[in-house]
Amino acid sequence: MDIIEFFEQSAGKWFSQRTLHNLTSGKLEAGKSELKIEILPATDPAVIQLCSEHSLNPASAPLAGVRVTWNPMADQNHKNGSRLLVPIPNSDNPKTGKLLQSAGPASKNALAKSAEGITTRYIIGEDDVLTLIGESEGFYAEERLWYLIPNLRIRTSVVKQPSGITIASFCSEIRMGVTQPAAETASAETRS
């Protein structure tokens, strides 16, 4: 799997359940969100603008863009938001590259919290696990995403901040609105 296939597989609406653990203070926090992940064409004005901000031609992004929108459920401390991602694969190895991110409102996403001024790179392992690494002076974030099955993915992260605080998180994400294929539906109706 390459970055394009990974993000294409992510398209859709997801239910996300997350647990954050502040390893410095021991404080735990849990939350639920709805995520919407959509693929954007290279002609989308937001993709063109993000590439321009990084002095890149949108044509160099084979997937164009991915917009992630989140809506926390029953959590008044966190706000709705969205972020645009544009993967730029390395020409010699498409399983590695960098990930452009739009600046946006505060996010629970480990890498998005301090995306400004941080170059995020990605690696897709032989096991199809996507690892995102963002770092700058005193800041380090590593996020890993993978699919257990096509409609269930897992996301973990570790963030080390310049203040010395380290936060770890675990998310399970289930694709919403999936229907049974026609063959399975017909088989189930025949049995009843």
C-alpha atoms as a PDB file:
ATOM      1  CA  MET A   1       0.000   0.000   0.000  1.00  0.00           C
ATOM      2  CA  ASP A   2       1.230   3.529  -0.751  1.00  0.00           C
ATOM      3  CA  ILE A   3       0.062   6.874   0.681  1.00  0.00           C
ATOM      4  CA  ILE A   4      -2.528   7.321  -2.066  1.00  0.00           C
ATOM      5  CA  GLU A   5      -4.125   3.931  -1.395  1.00  0.00           C
ATOM      6  CA  PHE A   6      -4.017   4.542   2.359  1.00  0.00           C
ATOM      7  CA  PHE A   7      -5.891   7.847   2.146  1.00  0.00           C
ATOM      8  CA  GLU A   8      -8.343   6.532  -0.462  1.00  0.00           C
ATOM      9  CA  GLN A   9      -9.140   3.666   1.925  1.00  0.00           C
ATOM     10  CA  SER A  10      -9.753   6.289   4.658  1.00  0.00           C
ATOM     11  CA  ALA A  11     -12.425   8.195   2.725  1.00  0.00           C
ATOM     12  CA  GLY A  12     -15.816   8.243   4.424  1.00  0.00           C
ATOM     13  CA  LYS A  13     -17.454   8.988   7.742  1.00  0.00           C
ATOM     14  CA  TRP A  14     -15.946   7.515  10.919  1.00  0.00           C
ATOM     15  CA  PHE A  15     -16.820   7.208  14.607  1.00  0.00           C
ATOM     16  CA  SER A  16     -13.684   7.815  16.673  1.00  0.00           C
ATOM     17  CA  GLN A  17     -13.225   6.916  20.327  1.00  0.00           C
ATOM     18  CA  ARG A  18     -10.071   8.289  21.929  1.00  0.00           C
ATOM     19  CA  THR A  19      -8.180   8.067  25.202  1.00  0.00           C
ATOM     20  CA  LEU A  20      -5.419  10.558  26.042  1.00  0.00           C
ATOM     21  CA  HIS A  21      -2.922   9.938  28.835  1.00  0.00           C
ATOM     22  CA  ASN A  22      -0.699  12.728  30.134  1.00  0.00           C
ATOM     23  CA  LEU A  23       2.337  10.660  31.130  1.00  0.00           C
ATOM     24  CA  THR A  24       3.744  13.561  33.155  1.00  0.00           C
ATOM     25  CA  SER A  25       0.721  14.228  35.402  1.00  0.00           C
ATOM     26  CA  GLY A  26      -1.037  10.872  35.044  1.00  0.00           C
ATOM     27  CA  LYS A  27      -4.286  12.564  33.965  1.00  0.00           C
ATOM     28  CA  LEU A  28      -6.565  10.573  31.631  1.00  0.00           C
ATOM     29  CA  GLU A  29      -9.082  12.054  29.201  1.00  0.00           C
ATOM     30  CA  ALA A  30     -11.547  10.257  26.942  1.00  0.00           C
ATOM     31  CA  GLY A  31     -13.671  11.521  24.083  1.00  0.00           C
ATOM     32  CA  LYS A  32     -15.720  10.591  21.052  1.00  0.00           C
ATOM     33  CA  SER A  33     -15.878  12.307  17.683  1.00  0.00           C
ATOM     34  CA  GLU A  34     -17.315  11.944  14.234  1.00  0.00           C
ATOM     35  CA  LEU A  35     -14.703  12.222  11.484  1.00  0.00           C
ATOM     36  CA  LYS A  36     -15.334  12.887   7.830  1.00  0.00           C
ATOM     37  CA  ILE A  37     -12.464  12.195   5.441  1.00  0.00           C
ATOM     38  CA  GLU A  38     -12.809  13.328   1.843  1.00  0.00           C
ATOM     39  CA  ILE A  39     -10.479  13.236  -1.144  1.00  0.00           C
ATOM     40  CA  LEU A  40     -10.081  16.582  -2.933  1.00  0.00           C
ATOM     41  CA  PRO A  41      -8.961  17.085  -6.546  1.00  0.00           C
ATOM     42  CA  ALA A  42      -5.789  19.001  -7.423  1.00  0.00           C
ATOM     43  CA  THR A  43      -8.034  21.772  -8.763  1.00  0.00           C
ATOM     44  CA  ASP A  44      -9.606  22.437  -5.342  1.00  0.00           C
ATOM     45  CA  PRO A  45      -8.745  26.028  -4.291  1.00  0.00           C
ATOM     46  CA  ALA A  46      -7.663  24.898  -0.796  1.00  0.00           C
ATOM     47  CA  VAL A  47      -5.191  22.361  -2.279  1.00  0.00           C
ATOM     48  CA  ILE A  48      -3.786  24.977  -4.662  1.00  0.00           C
ATOM     49  CA  GLN A  49      -3.380  27.481  -1.807  1.00  0.00           C
ATOM     50  CA  LEU A  50      -1.647  24.995   0.542  1.00  0.00           C
ATOM     51  CA  CYS A  51       0.761  23.904  -2.194  1.00  0.00           C
ATOM     52  CA  SER A  52       1.458  27.568  -3.051  1.00  0.00           C
ATOM     53  CA  GLU A  53       2.246  28.319   0.613  1.00  0.00           C
ATOM     54  CA  HIS A  54       4.937  25.633   0.394  1.00  0.00           C
ATOM     55  CA  SER A  55       6.139  26.741  -3.069  1.00  0.00           C
ATOM     56  CA  LEU A  56       4.952  23.494  -4.654  1.00  0.00           C
ATOM     57  CA  ASN A  57       3.010  22.824  -7.820  1.00  0.00           C
ATOM     58  CA  PRO A  58      -0.290  21.041  -6.942  1.00  0.00           C
ATOM     59  CA  ALA A  59       0.472  18.619  -9.786  1.00  0.00           C
ATOM     60  CA  SER A  60       3.353  17.244  -7.655  1.00  0.00           C
ATOM     61  CA  ALA A  61       0.745  15.889  -5.218  1.00  0.00           C
ATOM     62  CA  PRO A  62      -0.602  12.792  -6.989  1.00  0.00           C
ATOM     63  CA  LEU A  63      -3.561  12.416  -4.641  1.00  0.00           C
ATOM     64  CA  ALA A  64      -4.237  16.148  -4.510  1.00  0.00           C
ATOM     65  CA  GLY A  65      -5.620  16.555  -0.997  1.00  0.00           C
ATOM     66  CA  VAL A  66      -7.436  15.012   1.918  1.00  0.00           C
ATOM     67  CA  ARG A  67      -9.782  17.060   4.106  1.00  0.00           C
ATOM     68  CA  VAL A  68     -10.364  15.721   7.619  1.00  0.00           C
ATOM     69  CA  THR A  69     -13.301  17.283   9.476  1.00  0.00           C
ATOM     70  CA  TRP A  70     -14.058  16.435  13.101  1.00  0.00           C
ATOM     71  CA  ASN A  71     -17.065  16.986  15.300  1.00  0.00           C
ATOM     72  CA  PRO A  72     -16.607  16.108  19.002  1.00  0.00           C
ATOM     73  CA  MET A  73     -19.640  14.395  20.507  1.00  0.00           C
ATOM     74  CA  ALA A  74     -20.909  15.631  23.901  1.00  0.00           C
ATOM     75  CA  ASP A  75     -17.609  17.422  24.571  1.00  0.00           C
ATOM     76  CA  GLN A  76     -17.979  21.141  25.099  1.00  0.00           C
ATOM     77  CA  ASN A  77     -14.242  21.606  25.765  1.00  0.00           C
ATOM     78  CA  HIS A  78     -13.316  20.757  22.179  1.00  0.00           C
ATOM     79  CA  LYS A  79     -14.544  22.434  19.024  1.00  0.00           C
ATOM     80  CA  ASN A  80     -15.404  21.275  15.519  1.00  0.00           C
ATOM     81  CA  GLY A  81     -12.676  21.775  12.972  1.00  0.00           C
ATOM     82  CA  SER A  82     -10.995  20.607   9.831  1.00  0.00           C
ATOM     83  CA  ARG A  83      -7.545  20.211   8.396  1.00  0.00           C
ATOM     84  CA  LEU A  84      -6.260  19.805   4.868  1.00  0.00           C
ATOM     85  CA  LEU A  85      -3.479  17.284   4.199  1.00  0.00           C
ATOM     86  CA  VAL A  86      -1.489  17.023   0.986  1.00  0.00           C
ATOM     87  CA  PRO A  87       0.930  14.070   0.716  1.00  0.00           C
ATOM     88  CA  ILE A  88       4.080  14.581  -1.361  1.00  0.00           C
ATOM     89  CA  PRO A  89       5.691  11.155  -1.994  1.00  0.00           C
ATOM     90  CA  ASN A  90       9.444  10.862  -2.494  1.00  0.00           C
ATOM     91  CA  SER A  91      10.132  10.195  -6.167  1.00  0.00           C
ATOM     92  CA  ASP A  92      12.503   7.289  -5.407  1.00  0.00           C
ATOM     93  CA  ASN A  93      10.226   5.625  -2.796  1.00  0.00           C
ATOM     94  CA  PRO A  94       6.467   6.419  -2.750  1.00  0.00           C
ATOM     95  CA  LYS A  95       6.138   4.712   0.679  1.00  0.00           C
ATOM     96  CA  THR A  96       7.929   7.720   2.177  1.00  0.00           C
ATOM     97  CA  GLY A  97       7.512  11.456   1.785  1.00  0.00           C
ATOM     98  CA  LYS A  98       6.270  14.583   3.466  1.00  0.00           C
ATOM     99  CA  LEU A  99       2.791  15.658   4.451  1.00  0.00           C
ATOM    100  CA  LEU A 100       1.714  19.280   4.080  1.00  0.00           C
ATOM    101  CA  GLN A 101      -0.874  20.410   6.637  1.00  0.00           C
ATOM    102  CA  SER A 102      -3.057  23.485   6.672  1.00  0.00           C
ATOM    103  CA  ALA A 103      -3.020  25.696   9.723  1.00  0.00           C
ATOM    104  CA  GLY A 104      -6.354  25.449  11.458  1.00  0.00           C
ATOM    105  CA  PRO A 105      -8.164  25.524  14.771  1.00  0.00           C
ATOM    106  CA  ALA A 106      -6.883  23.547  17.728  1.00  0.00           C
ATOM    107  CA  SER A 107      -7.099  19.818  17.249  1.00  0.00           C
ATOM    108  CA  LYS A 108      -6.786  16.627  19.279  1.00  0.00           C
ATOM    109  CA  ASN A 109      -4.654  15.247  16.435  1.00  0.00           C
ATOM    110  CA  ALA A 110      -1.137  14.913  17.812  1.00  0.00           C
ATOM    111  CA  LEU A 111       0.595  16.292  14.748  1.00  0.00           C
ATOM    112  CA  ALA A 112      -1.956  18.992  14.036  1.00  0.00           C
ATOM    113  CA  LYS A 113      -1.579  20.684  17.425  1.00  0.00           C
ATOM    114  CA  SER A 114       1.749  22.188  16.444  1.00  0.00           C
ATOM    115  CA  ALA A 115       1.690  21.803  12.675  1.00  0.00           C
ATOM    116  CA  GLU A 116       2.845  25.333  11.929  1.00  0.00           C
ATOM    117  CA  GLY A 117       6.581  25.386  11.398  1.00  0.00           C
ATOM    118  CA  ILE A 118       6.877  21.604  11.604  1.00  0.00           C
ATOM    119  CA  THR A 119       7.586  19.427   8.634  1.00  0.00           C
ATOM    120  CA  THR A 120       5.740  16.158   8.904  1.00  0.00           C
ATOM    121  CA  ARG A 121       7.161  13.143   7.165  1.00  0.00           C
ATOM    122  CA  TYR A 122       5.481   9.824   6.595  1.00  0.00           C
ATOM    123  CA  ILE A 123       6.565   6.219   6.224  1.00  0.00           C
ATOM    124  CA  ILE A 124       4.378   3.277   5.220  1.00  0.00           C
ATOM    125  CA  GLY A 125       5.871   0.054   6.490  1.00  0.00           C
ATOM    126  CA  GLU A 126       5.760  -3.367   4.875  1.00  0.00           C
ATOM    127  CA  ASP A 127       2.896  -4.090   7.309  1.00  0.00           C
ATOM    128  CA  ASP A 128       0.876  -1.169   5.765  1.00  0.00           C
ATOM    129  CA  VAL A 129       1.119   0.877   8.991  1.00  0.00           C
ATOM    130  CA  LEU A 130       1.298   4.613   8.266  1.00  0.00           C
ATOM    131  CA  THR A 131       3.697   6.448  10.595  1.00  0.00           C
ATOM    132  CA  LEU A 132       3.640  10.251  10.707  1.00  0.00           C
ATOM    133  CA  ILE A 133       6.558  12.031  12.367  1.00  0.00           C
ATOM    134  CA  GLY A 134       6.634  15.737  13.102  1.00  0.00           C
ATOM    135  CA  GLU A 135       9.462  17.435  14.918  1.00  0.00           C
ATOM    136  CA  SER A 136      11.018  20.790  15.606  1.00  0.00           C
ATOM    137  CA  GLU A 137      13.203  22.188  18.367  1.00  0.00           C
ATOM    138  CA  GLY A 138      12.037  20.500  21.577  1.00  0.00           C
ATOM    139  CA  PHE A 139       8.868  19.047  19.996  1.00  0.00           C
ATOM    140  CA  TYR A 140       8.383  15.508  18.731  1.00  0.00           C
ATOM    141  CA  ALA A 141       5.178  13.762  17.659  1.00  0.00           C
ATOM    142  CA  GLU A 142       4.769  10.297  16.240  1.00  0.00           C
ATOM    143  CA  GLU A 143       1.398   8.993  15.115  1.00  0.00           C
ATOM    144  CA  ARG A 144       0.706   5.512  13.733  1.00  0.00           C
ATOM    145  CA  LEU A 145      -2.441   4.493  11.823  1.00  0.00           C
ATOM    146  CA  TRP A 146      -3.425   1.073  10.532  1.00  0.00           C
ATOM    147  CA  TYR A 147      -6.448  -0.995   9.531  1.00  0.00           C
ATOM    148  CA  LEU A 148      -7.471  -4.128  11.390  1.00  0.00           C
ATOM    149  CA  ILE A 149     -10.172  -4.625   8.738  1.00  0.00           C
ATOM    150  CA  PRO A 150     -11.321  -2.162   6.028  1.00  0.00           C
ATOM    151  CA  ASN A 151     -13.921  -0.515   8.310  1.00  0.00           C
ATOM    152  CA  LEU A 152     -11.907  -0.507  11.556  1.00  0.00           C
ATOM    153  CA  ARG A 153      -8.694   1.402  11.999  1.00  0.00           C
ATOM    154  CA  ILE A 154      -6.456   2.132  14.973  1.00  0.00           C
ATOM    155  CA  ARG A 155      -4.491   5.305  15.686  1.00  0.00           C
ATOM    156  CA  THR A 156      -1.867   5.796  18.397  1.00  0.00           C
ATOM    157  CA  SER A 157       0.377   8.752  19.127  1.00  0.00           C
ATOM    158  CA  VAL A 158       3.074  10.035  21.439  1.00  0.00           C
ATOM    159  CA  VAL A 159       3.736  13.773  21.741  1.00  0.00           C
ATOM    160  CA  LYS A 160       6.747  15.211  23.595  1.00  0.00           C
ATOM    161  CA  GLN A 161       6.439  18.953  24.118  1.00  0.00           C
ATOM    162  CA  PRO A 162       9.223  21.475  24.862  1.00  0.00           C
ATOM    163  CA  SER A 163       7.698  21.989  28.340  1.00  0.00           C
ATOM    164  CA  GLY A 164       8.589  18.388  29.191  1.00  0.00           C
ATOM    165  CA  ILE A 165       4.999  17.126  29.012  1.00  0.00           C
ATOM    166  CA  THR A 166       4.517  13.813  27.215  1.00  0.00           C
ATOM    167  CA  ILE A 167       1.062  12.717  26.049  1.00  0.00           C
ATOM    168  CA  ALA A 168       0.112   9.326  24.626  1.00  0.00           C
ATOM    169  CA  SER A 169      -3.180   8.562  22.893  1.00  0.00           C
ATOM    170  CA  PHE A 170      -5.122   5.606  21.545  1.00  0.00           C
ATOM    171  CA  CYS A 171      -8.048   5.867  19.098  1.00  0.00           C
ATOM    172  CA  SER A 172     -10.262   3.236  17.569  1.00  0.00           C
ATOM    173  CA  GLU A 173     -12.182   4.382  14.506  1.00  0.00           C
ATOM    174  CA  ILE A 174     -15.154   2.602  12.936  1.00  0.00           C
ATOM    175  CA  ARG A 175     -16.489   3.531   9.509  1.00  0.00           C
ATOM    176  CA  MET A 176     -20.149   4.567   9.765  1.00  0.00           C
ATOM    177  CA  GLY A 177     -22.973   3.797   7.345  1.00  0.00           C
ATOM    178  CA  VAL A 178     -21.523   0.626   5.850  1.00  0.00           C
ATOM    179  CA  THR A 179     -24.136  -1.597   4.239  1.00  0.00           C
ATOM    180  CA  GLN A 180     -23.935  -5.291   3.478  1.00  0.00           C
ATOM    181  CA  PRO A 181     -22.985  -6.195  -0.102  1.00  0.00           C
ATOM    182  CA  ALA A 182     -25.985  -7.265  -2.233  1.00  0.00           C
ATOM    183  CA  ALA A 183     -24.939 -10.960  -2.240  1.00  0.00           C
ATOM    184  CA  GLU A 184     -24.853 -11.091   1.582  1.00  0.00           C
ATOM    185  CA  THR A 185     -28.223  -9.314   1.844  1.00  0.00           C
ATOM    186  CA  ALA A 186     -29.875 -11.779  -0.560  1.00  0.00           C
ATOM    187  CA  SER A 187     -28.355 -14.733   1.323  1.00  0.00           C
ATOM    188  CA  ALA A 188     -29.621 -13.370   4.675  1.00  0.00           C
ATOM    189  CA  GLU A 189     -33.144 -12.852   3.248  1.00  0.00           C
ATOM    190  CA  THR A 190     -33.221 -16.444   1.891  1.00  0.00           C
ATOM    191  CA  ARG A 191     -32.402 -17.862   5.346  1.00  0.00           C
ATOM    192  CA  SER A 192     -35.234 -15.964   7.099  1.00  0.00           C
END
